[in-house]
């Protein structure tokens, strides 16, 4: 019965958008539902259902592939033997990464680590802006949207390294996916 009620409500929403085309009506009606499903607050719990080994290997593969040139230049050698906890606050998502044998390694995903040497913490939308280089880390830091903890020298070094990345470092596909995700989660409900 509950599903029938939801269907009636969905159809009612579609008819209230009479000035739009049918495709636009469906998009306008489904957009808030998709945004709610993909909200950062739900992202962390969804990721925690994926086995740790898959999450870790995916993060390692992406970081090592995307930052291959910088790794070869020794830009991340200062991380050798250290652990960095990256937190996406609103998703309650924690990733602990390090650097060993000239490659990134991921120790764990979705759980907070108390033994990380340094910590970077940011909200999802700000993290996306940072990756897309729409905003620099210093601006987020001074706005208190990017916080650091633990070994502050190490955390600042990571922050400054992020700031020096060339705009074309992040592949266009990743930027496009992040833009689509950001558009979905930031669009107001109709």
Protein backbone atom coordinates (compact mmCIF):
# COMPACT_ATOMS: atom_id res chain seq x y z
CA UNK A 1 0.00 0.00 0.00
CA UNK A 2 2.89 2.35 0.80
CA UNK A 3 4.34 1.87 -2.70
CA UNK A 4 0.96 2.72 -4.22
CA UNK A 5 0.87 5.93 -2.18
CA UNK A 6 4.38 6.84 -3.40
CA UNK A 7 3.31 6.20 -7.03
CA UNK A 8 0.27 8.48 -6.62
CA UNK A 9 2.49 11.15 -5.05
CA UNK A 10 5.00 10.81 -7.92
CA UNK A 11 2.24 11.17 -10.54
CA UNK A 12 0.87 14.18 -8.69
CA UNK A 13 4.29 15.82 -8.73
CA UNK A 14 4.54 15.20 -12.49
CA UNK A 15 1.21 16.86 -13.20
CA UNK A 16 2.15 19.89 -11.09
CA UNK A 17 4.99 20.55 -13.51
CA UNK A 18 2.76 21.09 -16.56
CA UNK A 19 5.01 23.80 -18.03
CA UNK A 20 7.86 21.28 -18.51
CA UNK A 21 8.39 18.56 -21.13
CA UNK A 22 7.78 14.96 -20.04
CA UNK A 23 11.53 14.25 -19.75
CA UNK A 24 12.01 17.42 -17.70
CA UNK A 25 9.08 16.43 -15.48
CA UNK A 26 10.63 13.05 -14.73
CA UNK A 27 14.03 14.60 -14.12
CA UNK A 28 12.57 17.27 -11.83
CA UNK A 29 10.65 14.66 -9.86
CA UNK A 30 13.45 12.10 -9.58
CA UNK A 31 16.23 14.62 -8.89
CA UNK A 32 15.41 15.14 -5.18
CA UNK A 33 15.08 11.37 -4.67
CA UNK A 34 18.46 10.77 -6.33
CA UNK A 35 20.03 13.59 -4.31
CA UNK A 36 18.71 12.07 -1.08
CA UNK A 37 19.99 8.63 -2.06
CA UNK A 38 23.48 9.94 -2.95
CA UNK A 39 23.75 12.48 -0.11
CA UNK A 40 27.17 12.53 1.55
CA UNK A 41 25.55 11.49 4.84
CA UNK A 42 24.62 8.16 3.21
CA UNK A 43 27.82 7.78 1.18
CA UNK A 44 29.99 6.69 4.10
CA UNK A 45 27.60 3.95 5.17
CA UNK A 46 27.23 2.73 1.57
CA UNK A 47 30.99 2.53 1.13
CA UNK A 48 31.32 0.60 4.38
CA UNK A 49 29.31 -2.25 2.80
CA UNK A 50 32.02 -2.72 0.15
CA UNK A 51 34.78 -5.05 1.37
CA UNK A 52 37.83 -3.18 2.73
CA UNK A 53 40.21 -4.86 0.30
CA UNK A 54 38.24 -3.55 -2.70
CA UNK A 55 38.06 -0.02 -1.29
CA UNK A 56 41.78 -0.02 -0.49
CA UNK A 57 42.85 -1.37 -3.87
CA UNK A 58 40.62 1.13 -5.70
CA UNK A 59 42.03 4.10 -3.78
CA UNK A 60 45.60 2.89 -4.28
CA UNK A 61 45.07 2.35 -8.00
CA UNK A 62 43.50 5.78 -8.53
CA UNK A 63 46.11 7.68 -6.49
CA UNK A 64 49.06 5.85 -8.06
CA UNK A 65 47.71 6.28 -11.58
CA UNK A 66 46.57 9.90 -11.30
CA UNK A 67 49.67 11.09 -9.42
CA UNK A 68 52.16 8.93 -11.35
CA UNK A 69 54.23 11.88 -12.59
CA UNK A 70 54.43 13.52 -9.17
CA UNK A 71 55.36 10.18 -7.58
CA UNK A 72 58.17 9.80 -10.14
CA UNK A 73 59.38 13.33 -9.34
CA UNK A 74 59.56 12.45 -5.62
CA UNK A 75 56.84 14.93 -4.64
CA UNK A 76 55.39 12.53 -2.05
CA UNK A 77 58.60 11.02 -0.64
CA UNK A 78 58.05 13.01 2.57
CA UNK A 79 55.07 10.71 3.28
CA UNK A 80 57.27 7.59 3.41
CA UNK A 81 56.66 5.78 6.67
CA UNK A 82 53.84 8.16 7.66
CA UNK A 83 50.07 7.73 7.75
CA UNK A 84 47.59 10.42 6.73
CA UNK A 85 43.94 10.22 7.71
CA UNK A 86 41.65 11.94 5.21
CA UNK A 87 38.18 12.58 6.54
CA UNK A 88 35.12 13.61 4.54
CA UNK A 89 33.16 15.03 7.49
CA UNK A 90 29.58 14.99 6.25
CA UNK A 91 29.98 11.48 4.84
CA UNK A 92 31.67 10.24 8.02
CA UNK A 93 34.17 8.65 5.66
CA UNK A 94 37.75 8.10 6.77
CA UNK A 95 40.64 6.89 4.62
CA UNK A 96 44.12 6.24 5.94
CA UNK A 97 46.84 6.46 3.30
CA UNK A 98 50.60 6.27 3.35
CA UNK A 99 53.51 6.07 0.96
CA UNK A 100 55.83 3.07 0.66
CA UNK A 101 58.22 1.91 -2.08
CA UNK A 102 57.35 4.94 -4.22
CA UNK A 103 53.63 4.27 -4.24
CA UNK A 104 50.57 5.12 -2.24
CA UNK A 105 49.17 2.49 0.07
CA UNK A 106 45.80 2.55 1.75
CA UNK A 107 45.53 1.01 5.20
CA UNK A 108 41.79 1.31 5.72
CA UNK A 109 38.63 2.94 4.45
CA UNK A 110 35.41 3.98 6.24
CA UNK A 111 36.84 3.71 9.74
CA UNK A 112 38.58 6.36 11.78
CA UNK A 113 42.20 5.61 12.59
CA UNK A 114 43.61 6.82 15.87
CA UNK A 115 47.23 6.11 14.96
CA UNK A 116 47.54 8.29 11.84
CA UNK A 117 50.41 10.78 11.97
CA UNK A 118 48.35 13.61 10.47
CA UNK A 119 44.75 14.34 9.60
CA UNK A 120 43.02 16.39 6.89
CA UNK A 121 39.29 16.93 7.32
CA UNK A 122 36.91 18.52 4.80
CA UNK A 123 33.25 18.42 3.72
CA UNK A 124 32.34 16.55 0.49
CA UNK A 125 31.45 19.62 -1.59
CA UNK A 126 34.68 21.37 -0.57
CA UNK A 127 36.70 18.23 -1.33
CA UNK A 128 35.19 18.16 -4.83
CA UNK A 129 36.01 21.85 -5.32
CA UNK A 130 39.55 21.11 -4.15
CA UNK A 131 40.03 18.18 -6.55
CA UNK A 132 38.59 20.21 -9.43
CA UNK A 133 40.88 23.08 -8.39
CA UNK A 134 37.94 25.48 -8.13
CA UNK A 135 39.39 26.57 -4.79
CA UNK A 136 42.84 26.29 -3.31
CA UNK A 137 43.60 24.46 -0.04
CA UNK A 138 44.77 27.65 1.71
CA UNK A 139 41.42 29.34 1.12
CA UNK A 140 39.58 26.34 2.57
CA UNK A 141 42.03 26.22 5.46
CA UNK A 142 41.60 29.90 6.37
CA UNK A 143 37.82 29.55 6.05
CA UNK A 144 38.10 26.61 8.48
CA UNK A 145 36.52 24.30 5.92
CA UNK A 146 39.75 22.28 5.67
CA UNK A 147 41.12 21.36 9.07
CA UNK A 148 44.36 19.68 9.95
CA UNK A 149 45.46 17.75 12.99
CA UNK A 150 48.20 15.58 14.39
CA UNK A 151 51.60 16.30 12.86
CA UNK A 152 50.68 19.76 11.56
CA UNK A 153 53.93 20.08 9.60
CA UNK A 154 53.13 16.90 7.68
CA UNK A 155 49.49 17.95 7.17
CA UNK A 156 50.57 21.38 5.88
CA UNK A 157 53.07 19.70 3.55
CA UNK A 158 50.26 17.56 2.08
CA UNK A 159 48.02 20.64 1.78
CA UNK A 160 50.77 22.57 0.01
CA UNK A 161 51.52 19.64 -2.31
CA UNK A 162 47.85 19.56 -3.32
CA UNK A 163 48.07 23.27 -4.07
CA UNK A 164 50.96 22.76 -6.50
CA UNK A 165 49.29 20.10 -8.65
CA UNK A 166 48.86 21.10 -12.28
CA UNK A 167 45.22 21.57 -13.40
CA UNK A 168 45.44 18.65 -15.85
CA UNK A 169 46.71 16.21 -13.19
CA UNK A 170 43.20 14.98 -12.43
CA UNK A 171 41.76 13.13 -15.45
CA UNK A 172 38.78 14.72 -17.14
CA UNK A 173 36.62 11.64 -16.48
CA UNK A 174 37.13 11.95 -12.71
CA UNK A 175 36.40 15.68 -12.83
CA UNK A 176 33.23 15.05 -14.85
CA UNK A 177 32.00 12.40 -12.41
CA UNK A 178 32.67 14.73 -9.49
CA UNK A 179 30.88 17.62 -11.22
CA UNK A 180 27.82 15.42 -11.83
CA UNK A 181 27.87 14.22 -8.23
CA UNK A 182 28.22 17.76 -6.90
CA UNK A 183 25.34 18.95 -9.11
CA UNK A 184 23.12 16.17 -7.80
CA UNK A 185 23.83 16.75 -4.12
CA UNK A 186 23.75 20.54 -4.27
CA UNK A 187 20.61 21.07 -6.38
CA UNK A 188 17.70 22.32 -4.29
CA UNK A 189 14.54 20.26 -4.17
CA UNK A 190 11.60 21.44 -6.30
